[in-house]
Structures are given as structure tokens and as C-alpha cells.
Protein backbone atom coordinates (compact mmCIF):
# COMPACT_ATOMS: atom_id res chain seq x y z
CA MET A 1 -2.67 56.05 61.30
CA SER A 2 -3.40 58.47 58.37
CA PRO A 3 -6.87 59.33 57.35
CA SER A 4 -5.99 57.60 54.01
CA ALA A 5 -4.91 54.45 55.74
CA ASP A 6 -8.08 54.36 57.72
CA LEU A 7 -10.17 54.75 54.49
CA ALA A 8 -8.24 51.94 52.95
CA ILE A 9 -8.99 49.73 55.95
CA LEU A 10 -12.76 50.43 55.71
CA ASN A 11 -12.73 49.91 51.79
CA LEU A 12 -10.90 46.70 52.25
CA LEU A 13 -13.38 45.62 54.96
CA GLN A 14 -16.28 46.11 52.54
CA PHE A 15 -14.80 44.24 49.69
CA ALA A 16 -13.93 41.37 51.82
CA ASP A 17 -17.64 41.25 53.13
CA SER A 18 -19.25 37.89 52.23
CA ALA A 19 -22.49 39.68 51.65
CA LEU A 20 -21.10 41.67 48.87
CA PRO A 21 -23.52 41.35 45.90
CA ILE A 22 -21.57 39.20 43.55
CA GLY A 23 -23.17 35.91 44.12
CA SER A 24 -20.70 34.31 46.62
CA GLN A 25 -23.61 32.81 48.67
CA SER A 26 -24.79 30.84 45.67
CA HIS A 27 -21.88 28.58 45.74
CA SER A 28 -20.58 25.82 48.07
CA PHE A 29 -17.53 24.78 45.99
CA GLY A 30 -18.36 21.10 46.41
CA PHE A 31 -19.28 21.33 50.16
CA GLU A 32 -22.87 20.62 49.51
CA THR A 33 -21.85 17.32 47.46
CA LEU A 34 -19.64 16.31 50.57
CA ILE A 35 -22.64 17.01 53.09
CA ALA A 36 -25.24 15.30 50.86
CA GLU A 37 -23.09 12.21 50.72
CA GLU A 38 -22.38 12.29 54.49
CA TRP A 39 -18.79 12.45 54.20
CA LEU A 40 -18.68 16.10 55.70
CA THR A 41 -20.32 16.29 59.14
CA VAL A 42 -20.21 18.85 62.05
CA ASP A 43 -17.63 16.77 63.69
CA ARG A 44 -15.26 16.62 60.70
CA LEU A 45 -15.71 20.41 59.72
CA LYS A 46 -12.96 22.01 61.70
CA ALA A 47 -10.24 19.61 60.54
CA PHE A 48 -11.66 19.71 56.88
CA LEU A 49 -11.48 23.43 56.64
CA HIS A 50 -7.87 23.33 58.06
CA ASP A 51 -6.88 21.02 55.27
CA TYR A 52 -9.01 23.01 52.77
CA LEU A 53 -7.16 26.20 53.64
CA PHE A 54 -3.65 24.54 53.67
CA GLU A 55 -4.11 23.30 50.27
CA ILE A 56 -6.49 25.37 48.24
CA GLY A 57 -6.68 28.46 50.38
CA ALA A 58 -2.85 28.55 50.00
CA LEU A 59 -3.11 28.26 46.25
CA ASP A 60 -5.52 30.93 46.02
CA GLY A 61 -3.43 33.20 48.34
CA LEU A 62 -0.41 32.76 46.23
CA PHE A 63 -2.43 34.18 43.17
CA CYS A 64 -4.08 36.74 45.10
CA ARG A 65 -0.74 37.98 46.17
CA ALA A 66 0.74 37.60 42.46
CA ALA A 67 -2.06 39.78 41.16
CA TYR A 68 -1.39 42.44 43.68
CA ALA A 69 2.30 42.40 42.65
CA LEU A 70 1.16 43.04 38.99
CA THR A 71 0.09 46.63 39.94
CA ALA A 72 3.57 47.64 40.05
CA GLN A 73 3.85 47.07 36.34
CA ALA A 74 4.18 50.48 34.82
CA ASP A 75 3.61 49.09 31.03
CA LEU A 76 -0.24 48.67 30.60
CA GLY A 77 0.53 46.42 27.68
CA ARG A 78 2.82 44.24 29.63
CA PHE A 79 0.27 44.13 32.59
CA GLU A 80 -2.30 42.83 30.20
CA ILE A 81 -0.31 39.87 28.97
CA ASP A 82 0.80 38.93 32.50
CA TRP A 83 -2.81 39.20 33.86
CA ARG A 84 -3.95 36.94 30.98
CA ALA A 85 -1.08 34.26 32.03
CA LEU A 86 -1.72 34.54 35.70
CA ASN A 87 -5.38 33.71 35.27
CA TYR A 88 -4.87 31.08 32.77
CA ARG A 89 -2.49 29.36 34.89
CA LEU A 90 -4.81 29.51 38.00
CA SER A 91 -7.50 27.85 35.71
CA ALA A 92 -5.04 25.06 34.83
CA LEU A 93 -4.63 24.20 38.54
CA ARG A 94 -8.46 24.07 39.28
CA PRO A 95 -9.23 20.55 37.85
CA ALA A 96 -13.16 20.87 38.39
CA ARG A 97 -15.07 22.85 35.88
CA GLU A 98 -17.76 23.65 38.45
CA SER A 99 -15.30 25.31 40.80
CA ARG A 100 -13.47 26.98 38.07
CA THR A 101 -16.55 28.53 36.67
CA ALA A 102 -17.58 29.62 40.43
CA SER A 103 -14.46 31.50 40.77
CA ALA A 104 -14.49 33.08 37.23
CA THR A 105 -18.25 34.34 37.87
CA LEU A 106 -17.19 35.65 41.32
CA GLY A 107 -14.02 37.27 40.00
CA ARG A 108 -15.71 39.10 37.03
CA ARG A 109 -18.64 40.33 39.11
CA PHE A 110 -16.27 41.59 41.93
CA LEU A 111 -14.17 43.46 39.61
CA ALA A 112 -17.15 45.02 37.77
CA LEU A 113 -18.43 46.13 41.01
CA VAL A 114 -15.20 47.73 41.97
CA VAL A 115 -14.75 49.32 38.54
CA GLU A 116 -18.08 51.07 39.31
CA LEU A 117 -17.36 52.27 42.70
CA ALA A 118 -13.71 53.22 42.06
CA PRO A 119 -13.04 53.80 38.44
CA ASN A 120 -9.30 52.98 37.37
CA ASP A 121 -7.62 52.25 34.03
CA THR A 122 -5.77 49.10 35.25
CA LEU A 123 -8.99 47.64 36.67
CA TYR A 124 -10.82 48.38 33.63
CA THR A 125 -8.11 46.88 31.29
CA ALA A 126 -8.31 43.70 33.62
CA LEU A 127 -12.04 43.42 33.13
CA GLN A 128 -11.96 44.18 29.50
CA THR A 129 -9.23 41.56 28.83
CA ALA A 130 -11.45 38.91 30.45
CA LYS A 131 -14.52 40.01 28.36
CA GLN A 132 -12.63 40.06 24.94
CA THR A 133 -10.62 36.62 25.47
CA ASP A 134 -11.60 33.25 26.83
CA VAL A 135 -9.50 33.84 30.12
CA ASP A 136 -11.34 33.05 33.29
CA LEU A 137 -10.93 36.12 35.63
CA HIS A 138 -10.56 34.53 39.23
CA HIS A 139 -11.81 35.89 42.32
CA ALA A 140 -8.52 35.40 44.07
CA SER A 141 -6.59 37.36 41.34
CA ALA A 142 -9.17 40.03 41.03
CA PHE A 143 -9.11 40.52 44.91
CA GLY A 144 -5.50 40.87 44.80
CA LEU A 145 -5.46 43.19 41.88
CA VAL A 146 -7.98 45.59 43.49
CA GLY A 147 -5.82 45.39 46.79
CA GLY A 148 -2.81 46.77 44.86
CA VAL A 149 -4.64 49.32 42.88
CA LEU A 150 -6.39 50.87 45.75
CA GLY A 151 -3.27 50.67 47.89
CA PHE A 152 -4.35 48.29 50.54
CA ASP A 153 -1.58 46.57 52.50
CA GLU A 154 -0.45 43.51 50.71
CA GLU A 155 -0.53 41.21 53.68
CA MET A 156 -3.97 42.40 54.66
CA THR A 157 -5.34 41.99 51.24
CA VAL A 158 -4.29 38.29 51.18
CA LEU A 159 -5.70 37.61 54.64
CA ALA A 160 -8.79 39.40 53.91
CA TYR A 161 -9.32 37.17 50.85
CA LEU A 162 -8.79 34.15 52.87
CA GLN A 163 -11.18 35.19 55.42
CA GLN A 164 -13.97 35.92 53.29
CA MET A 165 -13.37 32.43 51.59
CA VAL A 166 -13.92 30.74 54.93
CA THR A 167 -16.90 33.03 55.80
CA GLY A 168 -18.46 32.17 52.35
CA LEU A 169 -18.06 28.37 52.91
CA LEU A 170 -19.45 28.49 56.53
CA SER A 171 -22.23 30.29 55.32
CA ALA A 172 -23.02 27.55 52.93
CA VAL A 173 -22.37 24.80 55.62
CA GLN A 174 -25.06 26.58 57.93
CA LYS A 175 -27.68 25.87 55.40
CA LEU A 176 -26.66 22.31 55.09
CA LEU A 177 -25.74 20.87 58.53
CA PRO A 178 -27.11 21.27 61.85
CA ILE A 179 -24.82 23.93 63.12
CA GLY A 180 -25.55 27.07 64.94
CA GLN A 181 -24.23 30.70 64.69
CA SER A 182 -22.12 30.54 67.92
CA GLN A 183 -20.45 27.26 66.53
CA VAL A 184 -19.69 29.05 63.28
CA ILE A 185 -18.37 32.10 65.13
CA ALA A 186 -16.19 29.69 67.23
CA LEU A 187 -14.95 27.98 63.92
CA ARG A 188 -13.98 31.40 62.51
CA TRP A 189 -12.16 32.38 65.56
CA HIS A 190 -10.00 29.18 65.67
CA LEU A 191 -9.29 29.01 62.00
CA LYS A 192 -7.43 32.27 62.17
CA SER A 193 -4.00 30.54 62.60
CA ALA A 194 -4.77 28.47 59.52
CA LEU A 195 -5.48 31.59 57.48
CA VAL A 196 -2.12 33.07 58.46
CA ALA A 197 -0.36 29.77 57.56
CA ALA A 198 -2.22 29.61 54.20
CA ALA A 199 -1.07 33.11 53.36
CA ASN A 200 2.56 32.44 54.37
CA ARG A 201 2.79 29.30 52.15
CA GLY A 202 2.76 31.23 48.96
CA ARG A 203 4.75 34.38 50.11
CA ASP A 204 8.12 33.34 48.28
CA ALA A 205 6.63 31.19 45.35
CA ASP A 206 6.72 32.30 41.73
CA TRP A 207 3.40 31.71 39.95
CA ARG A 208 5.22 31.65 36.67
CA THR A 209 7.67 28.75 37.53
CA THR A 210 6.37 27.07 40.67
CA VAL A 211 3.15 27.00 42.86
CA VAL A 212 2.45 25.87 46.44
CA PRO A 213 1.57 22.22 46.56
CA SER A 214 -1.97 21.94 46.57
CA PHE A 215 -4.00 18.72 46.83
CA GLY A 216 -7.71 19.40 47.07
CA LEU A 217 -8.83 16.33 45.37
CA LEU A 218 -11.76 15.54 47.54
CA ALA A 219 -13.43 18.93 47.19
CA GLU A 220 -12.63 18.86 43.45
CA ILE A 221 -14.32 15.65 42.86
CA ALA A 222 -17.32 16.67 44.99
CA ALA A 223 -17.48 19.72 42.87
CA MET A 224 -17.50 17.63 39.69
CA ARG A 225 -20.40 15.42 41.09
CA HIS A 226 -22.52 18.37 42.33
CA PRO A 227 -24.66 18.50 39.10
CA GLN A 228 -25.90 15.06 39.65
CA LEU A 229 -27.22 15.73 43.03
CA PRO A 230 -31.03 15.15 43.05
CA VAL A 231 -31.76 18.25 45.05
CA ARG A 232 -29.30 21.26 45.03
CA LEU A 233 -29.28 24.55 47.04
CA PHE A 234 -26.21 25.87 45.48
CA ILE A 235 -24.83 26.40 41.94
CA SER A 236 -21.55 24.54 42.54
């Protein structure tokens, strides 16, 4: 493996760290509501995360991959148009305002952090486009874009994004359920095949015309109800 490939892996691992200072540990994406209403328990957690990845994870994986592909666009003006359209479409597929806003907040902060660390015209244009228009800059698309611009492997980029998604959700769950660190590690281990399956579901889909079927209604409704909880540890 070449030194540049080694460096790319290290950079990808850093950007996929759930402890990255972008605010990901402030969001539960509806999980806090599900746990507060006693629908989601320790016994149900593994099966629920499998379903979550199969539905919402696959959708995010598709748009992460699509954003990665946009980096092959040589025309910066064309890129800007496609970048807006891609994020608009993902916003339309997120019914809950709370989850949509959380994703956009993380995406904007993530891209701003990367632009600071690794200045790049394409990344700067993507960030400015979000600031100057009403488009949400989603975490999945921002992560895929960074992966393409910085030369990470496409498949590794999508899988790394999904891995940090699960890690972030489990971090929230640990604060809300009686579950120990060893159980969380075991869950992460056993969910790896689900991560791969989610990444593969969107491999051949075209974000412009079709999307992978995604039915995350329970999580979306829970996110919508989250502001009404009497006590909240998380923003969403």
C-alpha cells in the first residue's frame, strides 16, 4: 500500500469518528422518543437497528455514494447545480423536520471543518452554495463529497459513513437505556453485515430518477414527537 493510500485511510478514520466536534452526540434522530415511550428496549434494539440500516441507512448510503460521484464533474457550475439538486432531493425524502434539520446541521458543520483542514475549491463551493441558498447540506452527501474530493475509496467512504451513523446512535442509546459498553461493542460487531447490505442496496440506483425503497416511518414520527417530550437529553 502506498504512503498516500495509508494517509487516506487515516484521514477517513478521523472523519468517521463519532467524536468529531460537529455535534453528532447531541442528536438521537427520534431514538430518545422511542425509548421514552417504552417502545424501544434493550431486547428490541438489535432488530430495530437492522431495520433502521436497511431503510434509512440504505437511503443515506445512496446519497453518500451519489455525492462522491459528483466529484468527477469537471465543470464547477454544473457541479453546483447538481449539488443543490441532490441535497434538495434528500431533504424531500426526510419527512420529519427534526431529523432533516439535524442532518443538515451535521452536514454543514462537517464540511466547514473539512474545508478548514483541507482547503479545496469544490468543497468551498459546496459549502457556500448551502449558505447562499435555502438548500440543506446533509451529512450523508457532505461525507460522500469529501470522500471523493480527498481521494478515499468509494466503498470505504460509504461504509465509513454508515459505521459512524450506527456509532452515533448507539452512543445516544447508551445514555438512555440500561446497556453496557460490552453490549454496545457486541452490537456494533454483529451489525457489520447490515452495514454492507445497506451500502449495497443503493449501489446501482440513480438518485435523479429512482431511490432505494425506504420506510422509516416509526423513527420519523418519533422525531416529530420529540419536541413534546417533557424532559429531553438530545436536540432531536
